[in-house]
Amino acid sequence: MGRSRGRAKVVVEGASRWTVAALAGVAAAVAAGTVPDVIKSWLGDQRAFLTVLCVVAAAVFAGINLWQQRSKGVGIVIALPRKNWRASWSEQWSAAAVAHARRHHDSCFVVRRDVEGARPDDDMRARKAAREARKDTLELAYELVNARLTELSEADPSTPISLYVNAALPDAFELGAMFKFNVHRRLHGVAAFPARERTVTGEDEPAVPFVLPQRAELAESDFFPAVRISGRLKDPLSPAEAVRAAKIARVVEEPEFPGAADGEAVALVVHLAENPRMVAEALRAAAEGCLDVELRQERCRAALVIDGVPANIPETTADFELIVRYVHSAWLEWVAARPQLAGLRVRLFVAAPASVVFALGWLMGHTITPVPHPYEQGEPCTSS
């Protein structure tokens, strides 16, 4: 008896929906049919005006139709939680990114892979195994995303792309470096850009490959477009931009750094987060020597420190891109002024938003090796 009532309820609800749809269709037809008569009764036989009105109405209809059918692109979420992390890895970020990508894009593609991490008490053999497993995971994540980008390139190269990245900072940096040479297609970011860009040097650059959304800390939004990956990130700062960048971060001219005279590396310390002890800890580790992601333990002979103001970076695309360009320009100027350090390896100590770190990896990852935090010492390992 209960099942019969349930089926009857479903049939009634279905019939009601069809009835409402039918009535709506009839009402729309009646309204469309009476509109011309109403217009004629008011305007009379004004053919020229009615013709113009018809053309305008058709244009408005076509414009609305095209606007509704416009491509909102694809949101690609890359989640690389760390195994054996010093604290439990929150899944809230990934869930929020997937929800945002589905709301603001036509489709959402998710790549989630656990990244192997060494424990503090692991011996060098275990660390080597974790290092190789980490490399394999990053390469697999890149290949999966790259395969999706290839599909989009073959279907429609103008598809807007947003790349959400949730990873430990060294992983985000090296993932950005992998995308450096991903030049087989011209993907456009969510924001409107011309098909070609031109840098201040006059060289043509490919269209924006993708946009990196960043999780916002303000209550008004959950994600915002932080960095648009393009050759413009390499442009030097104008005087006005340099003044604005100085309000966000500064180069520490004389850091308290007792560099190792026989050091085989130099340190780039980038602090763009609210971590007051980060710079001091990084300089100490750079001077005493610590392990990087390749398990090389080296001491640094010199260091460039870029220290952010106590407040976070303003949550705008302009400011996030400005700080990326500022770090890149400051590093190039620092290196050019110290040719005696040109043959040394570069180690990155960084605390910054993941989108900024990914962009720095895209810019400089082919010449710089990140150092994971917490900074650890161990038996040097120079094998690949």
Protein backbone atom coordinates (compact mmCIF):
# COMPACT_ATOMS: atom_id res chain seq x y z
CA MET A 1 0.00 0.00 0.00
CA GLY A 2 2.80 2.41 0.92
CA ARG A 3 4.66 1.67 -2.33
CA SER A 4 1.49 2.36 -4.36
CA ARG A 5 1.08 5.70 -2.66
CA GLY A 6 4.71 6.52 -3.32
CA ARG A 7 4.40 5.70 -7.01
CA ALA A 8 1.19 7.71 -7.23
CA LYS A 9 2.92 10.68 -5.62
CA VAL A 10 5.77 10.50 -8.13
CA VAL A 11 3.29 10.33 -11.03
CA VAL A 12 1.32 13.30 -9.70
CA GLU A 13 4.48 15.35 -9.18
CA GLY A 14 5.70 14.49 -12.66
CA ALA A 15 2.35 15.36 -14.20
CA SER A 16 2.34 18.65 -12.28
CA ARG A 17 5.76 19.61 -13.64
CA TRP A 18 4.69 18.80 -17.19
CA THR A 19 1.46 20.78 -16.70
CA VAL A 20 3.37 23.81 -15.45
CA ALA A 21 5.81 23.57 -18.35
CA ALA A 22 2.94 23.29 -20.84
CA LEU A 23 1.14 26.27 -19.36
CA ALA A 24 4.35 28.30 -19.43
CA GLY A 25 4.87 27.43 -23.10
CA VAL A 26 1.33 28.40 -24.00
CA ALA A 27 1.62 31.66 -22.06
CA ALA A 28 4.89 32.50 -23.83
CA ALA A 29 3.35 31.79 -27.23
CA VAL A 30 0.31 33.94 -26.46
CA ALA A 31 2.51 36.78 -25.22
CA ALA A 32 4.78 36.59 -28.28
CA GLY A 33 1.77 36.57 -30.58
CA THR A 34 0.08 39.58 -29.00
CA VAL A 35 3.18 41.77 -28.70
CA PRO A 36 3.13 42.87 -32.39
CA ASP A 37 -0.54 43.82 -32.15
CA VAL A 38 0.08 45.81 -28.98
CA ILE A 39 2.99 47.66 -30.60
CA LYS A 40 0.89 48.45 -33.72
CA SER A 41 -1.99 49.73 -31.62
CA TRP A 42 0.36 52.19 -29.93
CA LEU A 43 2.56 53.20 -32.85
CA GLY A 44 0.28 52.72 -35.83
CA ASP A 45 1.78 52.13 -39.29
CA GLN A 46 5.34 53.31 -38.55
CA ARG A 47 7.21 50.75 -40.63
CA ALA A 48 10.65 52.29 -40.33
CA PHE A 49 10.50 52.42 -36.54
CA LEU A 50 9.08 48.90 -36.31
CA THR A 51 11.87 47.63 -38.56
CA VAL A 52 14.54 49.23 -36.38
CA LEU A 53 12.83 47.86 -33.28
CA CYS A 54 12.81 44.38 -34.81
CA VAL A 55 16.53 44.56 -35.67
CA VAL A 56 17.44 45.81 -32.21
CA ALA A 57 15.38 43.08 -30.53
CA ALA A 58 17.05 40.43 -32.71
CA ALA A 59 20.49 41.80 -31.86
CA VAL A 60 19.71 41.80 -28.14
CA PHE A 61 18.44 38.23 -28.38
CA ALA A 62 21.57 37.11 -30.27
CA GLY A 63 23.86 38.90 -27.80
CA ILE A 64 22.19 37.33 -24.78
CA ASN A 65 22.33 33.92 -26.43
CA LEU A 66 26.06 34.26 -27.18
CA TRP A 67 26.75 35.52 -23.68
CA GLN A 68 24.99 32.51 -22.16
CA GLN A 69 26.90 30.14 -24.41
CA ARG A 70 30.33 31.67 -23.76
CA SER A 71 33.00 29.33 -22.47
CA LYS A 72 33.86 29.70 -18.82
CA GLY A 73 36.81 27.42 -19.27
CA VAL A 74 38.19 24.58 -17.19
CA GLY A 75 39.26 24.57 -13.57
CA ILE A 76 42.12 22.16 -12.86
CA VAL A 77 42.70 21.34 -9.19
CA ILE A 78 46.10 19.87 -8.26
CA ALA A 79 46.13 18.52 -4.70
CA LEU A 80 49.43 17.05 -3.51
CA PRO A 81 49.08 16.33 0.21
CA ARG A 82 52.25 15.24 2.00
CA LYS A 83 52.51 11.84 3.66
CA ASN A 84 54.25 11.81 7.04
CA TRP A 85 53.62 15.55 7.36
CA ARG A 86 54.48 17.14 10.68
CA ALA A 87 50.77 17.96 11.11
CA SER A 88 47.62 16.49 9.62
CA TRP A 89 47.04 17.75 6.07
CA SER A 90 43.71 19.54 5.85
CA GLU A 91 41.39 18.54 3.01
CA GLN A 92 39.30 21.72 3.32
CA TRP A 93 41.38 23.60 0.77
CA SER A 94 40.94 20.96 -1.91
CA ALA A 95 37.20 20.70 -1.29
CA ALA A 96 36.83 24.48 -1.49
CA ALA A 97 38.90 24.61 -4.69
CA VAL A 98 36.80 21.92 -6.37
CA ALA A 99 33.59 23.69 -5.38
CA HIS A 100 34.89 27.04 -6.67
CA ALA A 101 36.10 25.50 -9.94
CA ARG A 102 32.72 23.87 -10.57
CA ARG A 103 30.85 27.10 -9.86
CA HIS A 104 32.99 29.30 -12.10
CA HIS A 105 33.94 26.97 -14.96
CA ASP A 106 32.24 24.72 -17.45
CA SER A 107 34.12 21.71 -16.13
CA CYS A 108 36.48 20.70 -13.34
CA PHE A 109 39.41 18.29 -13.53
CA VAL A 110 41.03 17.05 -10.29
CA VAL A 111 44.51 15.55 -9.86
CA ARG A 112 45.18 14.27 -6.36
CA ARG A 113 48.31 12.35 -5.42
CA ASP A 114 49.94 11.79 -2.05
CA VAL A 115 53.56 12.93 -1.93
CA GLU A 116 56.01 10.77 -0.03
CA GLY A 117 57.93 12.62 2.65
CA ALA A 118 60.86 11.51 4.76
CA ARG A 119 60.52 11.36 8.53
CA PRO A 120 63.00 13.28 10.69
CA ASP A 121 64.49 10.04 12.06
CA ASP A 122 64.84 8.33 8.65
CA ASP A 123 68.31 7.25 7.59
CA MET A 124 69.78 8.33 4.25
CA ARG A 125 68.57 5.21 2.47
CA ALA A 126 64.97 5.94 3.44
CA ARG A 127 65.40 9.58 2.50
CA LYS A 128 66.64 8.60 -0.95
CA ALA A 129 63.62 6.36 -1.46
CA ALA A 130 61.29 9.17 -0.39
CA ARG A 131 63.08 11.59 -2.71
CA GLU A 132 62.60 9.32 -5.73
CA ALA A 133 58.97 8.64 -4.82
CA ARG A 134 58.37 12.39 -4.54
CA LYS A 135 59.90 13.01 -7.97
CA ASP A 136 57.74 10.31 -9.51
CA THR A 137 54.59 11.76 -7.94
CA LEU A 138 55.32 15.30 -9.17
CA GLU A 139 56.07 14.04 -12.67
CA LEU A 140 52.88 11.96 -12.71
CA ALA A 141 50.79 14.94 -11.58
CA TYR A 142 52.37 17.07 -14.29
CA GLU A 143 51.78 14.44 -16.98
CA LEU A 144 48.12 14.08 -16.00
CA VAL A 145 47.57 17.82 -16.20
CA ASN A 146 49.58 18.04 -19.39
CA ALA A 147 47.42 15.35 -20.99
CA ARG A 148 44.31 17.36 -20.12
CA LEU A 149 45.88 20.51 -21.57
CA THR A 150 46.68 18.64 -24.77
CA GLU A 151 43.04 17.57 -25.11
CA LEU A 152 41.92 21.17 -24.63
CA SER A 153 44.47 22.38 -27.15
CA GLU A 154 43.14 20.04 -29.80
CA ALA A 155 39.52 20.97 -29.06
CA ASP A 156 39.79 24.75 -28.54
CA PRO A 157 43.11 26.49 -27.79
CA SER A 158 41.28 29.59 -26.55
CA THR A 159 39.72 27.73 -23.60
CA PRO A 160 40.28 29.68 -20.35
CA ILE A 161 42.25 27.70 -17.77
CA SER A 162 42.50 28.11 -14.00
CA LEU A 163 45.09 26.03 -12.16
CA TYR A 164 44.44 25.57 -8.43
CA VAL A 165 47.57 24.31 -6.65
CA ASN A 166 47.57 22.85 -3.14
CA ALA A 167 51.02 21.52 -2.27
CA ALA A 168 53.99 21.94 0.02
CA LEU A 169 56.02 24.94 -1.12
CA PRO A 170 59.00 22.98 -2.50
CA ASP A 171 56.55 20.83 -4.49
CA ALA A 172 54.71 23.90 -5.80
CA PHE A 173 58.03 25.47 -6.84
CA GLU A 174 59.23 22.39 -8.73
CA LEU A 175 55.82 21.84 -10.31
CA GLY A 176 55.95 25.41 -11.62
CA ALA A 177 59.39 24.68 -13.07
CA MET A 178 57.95 21.68 -14.96
CA PHE A 179 55.40 23.94 -16.66
CA LYS A 180 58.16 26.30 -17.76
CA PHE A 181 58.67 24.47 -21.03
CA ASN A 182 55.03 23.53 -21.57
CA VAL A 183 54.80 25.54 -24.80
CA HIS A 184 52.91 23.15 -27.06
CA ARG A 185 49.69 25.16 -26.83
CA ARG A 186 48.42 28.69 -26.25
CA LEU A 187 45.98 28.57 -23.40
CA HIS A 188 44.23 31.68 -22.20
CA GLY A 189 43.67 32.59 -18.60
CA VAL A 190 40.30 33.47 -17.15
CA ALA A 191 40.94 37.18 -17.50
CA ALA A 192 40.67 38.80 -20.93
CA PHE A 193 44.00 38.97 -22.75
CA PRO A 194 45.01 39.57 -26.34
CA ALA A 195 46.04 36.54 -28.35
CA ARG A 196 49.62 37.76 -28.34
CA GLU A 197 51.57 39.75 -25.81
CA ARG A 198 54.68 41.86 -26.22
CA THR A 199 57.23 42.38 -23.48
CA VAL A 200 59.15 45.59 -22.92
CA THR A 201 62.03 44.05 -24.85
CA GLY A 202 59.82 43.83 -27.93
CA GLU A 203 59.77 40.04 -28.05
CA ASP A 204 56.51 38.28 -28.74
CA GLU A 205 55.24 36.04 -25.98
CA PRO A 206 52.65 33.28 -26.24
CA ALA A 207 49.20 33.94 -24.85
CA VAL A 208 48.66 33.39 -21.13
CA PRO A 209 48.86 29.64 -20.38
CA PHE A 210 46.72 29.76 -17.24
CA VAL A 211 45.70 31.69 -14.17
CA LEU A 212 46.62 30.66 -10.62
CA PRO A 213 43.77 31.28 -8.16
CA GLN A 214 44.75 31.85 -4.53
CA ARG A 215 42.68 31.08 -1.45
CA ALA A 216 41.56 34.40 -0.02
CA GLU A 217 41.70 35.20 3.66
CA LEU A 218 39.09 37.94 3.38
CA ALA A 219 35.49 37.04 4.18
CA GLU A 220 34.16 38.47 0.92
CA SER A 221 35.50 35.68 -1.31
CA ASP A 222 37.04 32.22 -1.20
CA PHE A 223 39.41 32.38 -4.21
CA PHE A 224 40.67 35.18 -6.41
CA PRO A 225 42.83 35.17 -9.58
CA ALA A 226 46.28 35.78 -8.09
CA VAL A 227 48.86 35.32 -10.85
CA ARG A 228 48.56 35.12 -14.64
CA ILE A 229 51.44 33.09 -15.97
CA SER A 230 53.00 34.88 -18.92
CA GLY A 231 56.21 36.48 -20.13
CA ARG A 232 55.12 39.75 -18.52
CA LEU A 233 56.32 38.38 -15.19
CA LYS A 234 59.86 38.89 -16.51
CA ASP A 235 59.37 42.60 -17.24
CA PRO A 236 61.40 44.99 -15.03
CA LEU A 237 59.50 47.26 -12.68
CA SER A 238 58.68 50.82 -13.59
CA PRO A 239 59.56 53.53 -11.02
CA ALA A 240 55.94 53.69 -9.88
CA GLU A 241 55.77 49.91 -9.55
CA ALA A 242 59.01 49.87 -7.57
CA VAL A 243 57.53 52.36 -5.11
CA ARG A 244 54.42 50.22 -4.70
CA ALA A 245 56.43 47.01 -4.33
CA ALA A 246 58.49 48.61 -1.56
CA LYS A 247 55.27 48.87 0.47
CA ILE A 248 54.84 45.08 0.26
CA ALA A 249 58.41 43.79 0.57
CA ARG A 250 61.98 45.04 0.74
CA VAL A 251 65.48 43.81 0.00
CA VAL A 252 67.53 43.55 3.20
CA GLU A 253 70.76 45.20 2.14
CA GLU A 254 72.98 43.88 4.94
CA PRO A 255 71.44 40.74 6.44
CA GLU A 256 73.00 39.33 9.61
CA PHE A 257 74.55 36.43 7.79
CA PRO A 258 77.96 34.95 8.72
CA GLY A 259 78.47 33.34 5.33
CA ALA A 260 80.76 30.34 4.97
CA ALA A 261 83.89 31.40 3.11
CA ASP A 262 84.18 27.95 1.54
CA GLY A 263 80.46 27.60 0.87
CA GLU A 264 79.42 26.05 -2.43
CA ALA A 265 76.04 27.76 -2.69
CA VAL A 266 74.20 31.04 -2.23
CA ALA A 267 70.86 31.51 -0.53
CA LEU A 268 67.75 33.27 -1.78
CA VAL A 269 65.49 33.89 1.21
CA VAL A 270 61.96 35.00 0.33
CA HIS A 271 59.68 35.77 3.28
CA LEU A 272 56.18 36.85 2.24
CA ALA A 273 54.17 35.34 5.08
CA GLU A 274 53.50 36.18 8.71
CA ASN A 275 56.33 34.11 10.18
CA PRO A 276 58.61 36.44 12.17
CA ARG A 277 61.30 33.79 12.79
CA MET A 278 61.54 32.53 9.22
CA VAL A 279 64.36 34.79 8.01
CA ALA A 280 66.59 34.18 11.04
CA GLU A 281 66.03 30.41 10.86
CA ALA A 282 66.72 30.34 7.11
CA LEU A 283 69.95 32.34 7.42
CA ARG A 284 71.17 30.11 10.24
CA ALA A 285 70.43 26.98 8.20
CA ALA A 286 72.08 28.48 5.12
CA ALA A 287 75.25 29.26 7.08
CA GLU A 288 75.46 25.94 8.95
CA GLY A 289 74.30 23.79 6.05
CA CYS A 290 71.08 21.83 5.58
CA LEU A 291 69.49 19.37 3.18
CA ASP A 292 67.66 20.54 0.08
CA VAL A 293 65.09 18.52 -1.87
CA GLU A 294 67.93 16.74 -3.69
CA LEU A 295 69.44 15.72 -0.30
CA ARG A 296 72.50 17.88 -0.89
CA GLN A 297 73.84 19.46 2.27
CA GLU A 298 75.70 22.65 1.50
CA ARG A 299 76.67 25.84 3.26
CA CYS A 300 76.01 29.19 1.65
CA ARG A 301 78.63 31.85 1.03
CA ALA A 302 76.19 34.76 0.62
CA ALA A 303 72.46 35.44 0.86
CA LEU A 304 69.84 37.72 -0.64
CA VAL A 305 66.93 38.37 1.71
CA ILE A 306 63.58 39.66 0.48
CA ASP A 307 61.42 40.33 3.51
CA GLY A 308 57.72 41.17 3.37
CA VAL A 309 55.93 43.67 5.55
CA PRO A 310 54.01 42.28 8.55
CA ALA A 311 50.70 42.44 6.70
CA ASN A 312 49.81 39.92 3.99
CA ILE A 313 50.11 40.73 0.31
CA PRO A 314 47.00 42.66 -0.78
CA GLU A 315 44.64 40.15 -2.35
CA THR A 316 44.62 41.54 -5.87
CA THR A 317 46.03 40.18 -9.11
CA ALA A 318 48.08 43.34 -9.63
CA ASP A 319 49.82 43.07 -6.24
CA PHE A 320 50.50 39.33 -6.44
CA GLU A 321 52.00 39.66 -9.91
CA LEU A 322 53.95 42.72 -8.79
CA ILE A 323 55.60 40.85 -5.92
CA VAL A 324 56.55 37.97 -8.24
CA ARG A 325 58.18 40.43 -10.64
CA TYR A 326 59.86 42.22 -7.73
CA VAL A 327 61.49 39.03 -6.43
CA HIS A 328 62.61 38.06 -9.93
CA SER A 329 64.05 41.51 -10.70
CA ALA A 330 65.77 41.81 -7.31
CA TRP A 331 67.42 38.43 -7.76
CA LEU A 332 68.70 39.27 -11.25
CA GLU A 333 70.11 42.58 -10.02
CA TRP A 334 71.77 40.92 -7.01
CA VAL A 335 73.41 38.24 -9.16
CA ALA A 336 74.57 40.75 -11.78
CA ALA A 337 76.28 42.81 -9.06
CA ARG A 338 78.21 39.74 -7.76
CA PRO A 339 79.82 37.98 -10.72
CA GLN A 340 82.22 36.19 -8.36
CA LEU A 341 79.28 34.07 -7.16
CA ALA A 342 78.12 33.03 -10.63
CA GLY A 343 79.44 29.46 -10.38
CA LEU A 344 77.70 28.63 -7.10
CA ARG A 345 74.47 26.69 -6.75
CA VAL A 346 71.39 28.59 -5.59
CA ARG A 347 69.17 27.43 -2.73
CA LEU A 348 65.69 28.82 -2.10
CA PHE A 349 64.32 29.32 1.41
CA VAL A 350 60.74 30.49 1.00
CA ALA A 351 57.58 31.24 2.96
CA ALA A 352 54.92 32.67 0.66
CA PRO A 353 51.53 31.88 -0.90
CA ALA A 354 51.56 28.78 -3.11
CA SER A 355 50.57 30.76 -6.21
CA VAL A 356 53.60 33.04 -5.78
CA VAL A 357 55.92 30.07 -5.22
CA PHE A 358 54.56 28.27 -8.30
CA ALA A 359 55.13 31.41 -10.39
CA LEU A 360 58.68 31.77 -9.05
CA GLY A 361 59.29 28.15 -10.00
CA TRP A 362 58.01 28.88 -13.50
CA LEU A 363 60.44 31.80 -13.69
CA MET A 364 63.53 30.46 -11.91
CA GLY A 365 63.02 26.78 -11.14
CA HIS A 366 65.53 25.62 -13.76
CA THR A 367 68.42 27.23 -11.86
CA ILE A 368 67.32 27.17 -8.20
CA THR A 369 66.77 24.28 -5.77
CA PRO A 370 64.25 24.69 -2.93
CA VAL A 371 65.03 23.78 0.66
CA PRO A 372 62.17 22.17 2.60
CA HIS A 373 61.13 23.36 6.03
CA PRO A 374 61.86 22.37 8.77
CA TYR A 375 65.53 22.69 7.83
CA GLU A 376 67.37 19.48 8.56
CA GLN A 377 70.95 18.30 8.52
CA GLY A 378 72.14 14.89 7.55
CA GLU A 379 74.69 12.86 5.68
CA PRO A 380 75.39 14.67 2.38
CA CYS A 381 74.03 13.00 -0.70
CA THR A 382 75.19 14.14 -4.14
CA SER A 383 73.82 11.27 -6.20
CA SER A 384 70.93 11.86 -8.56
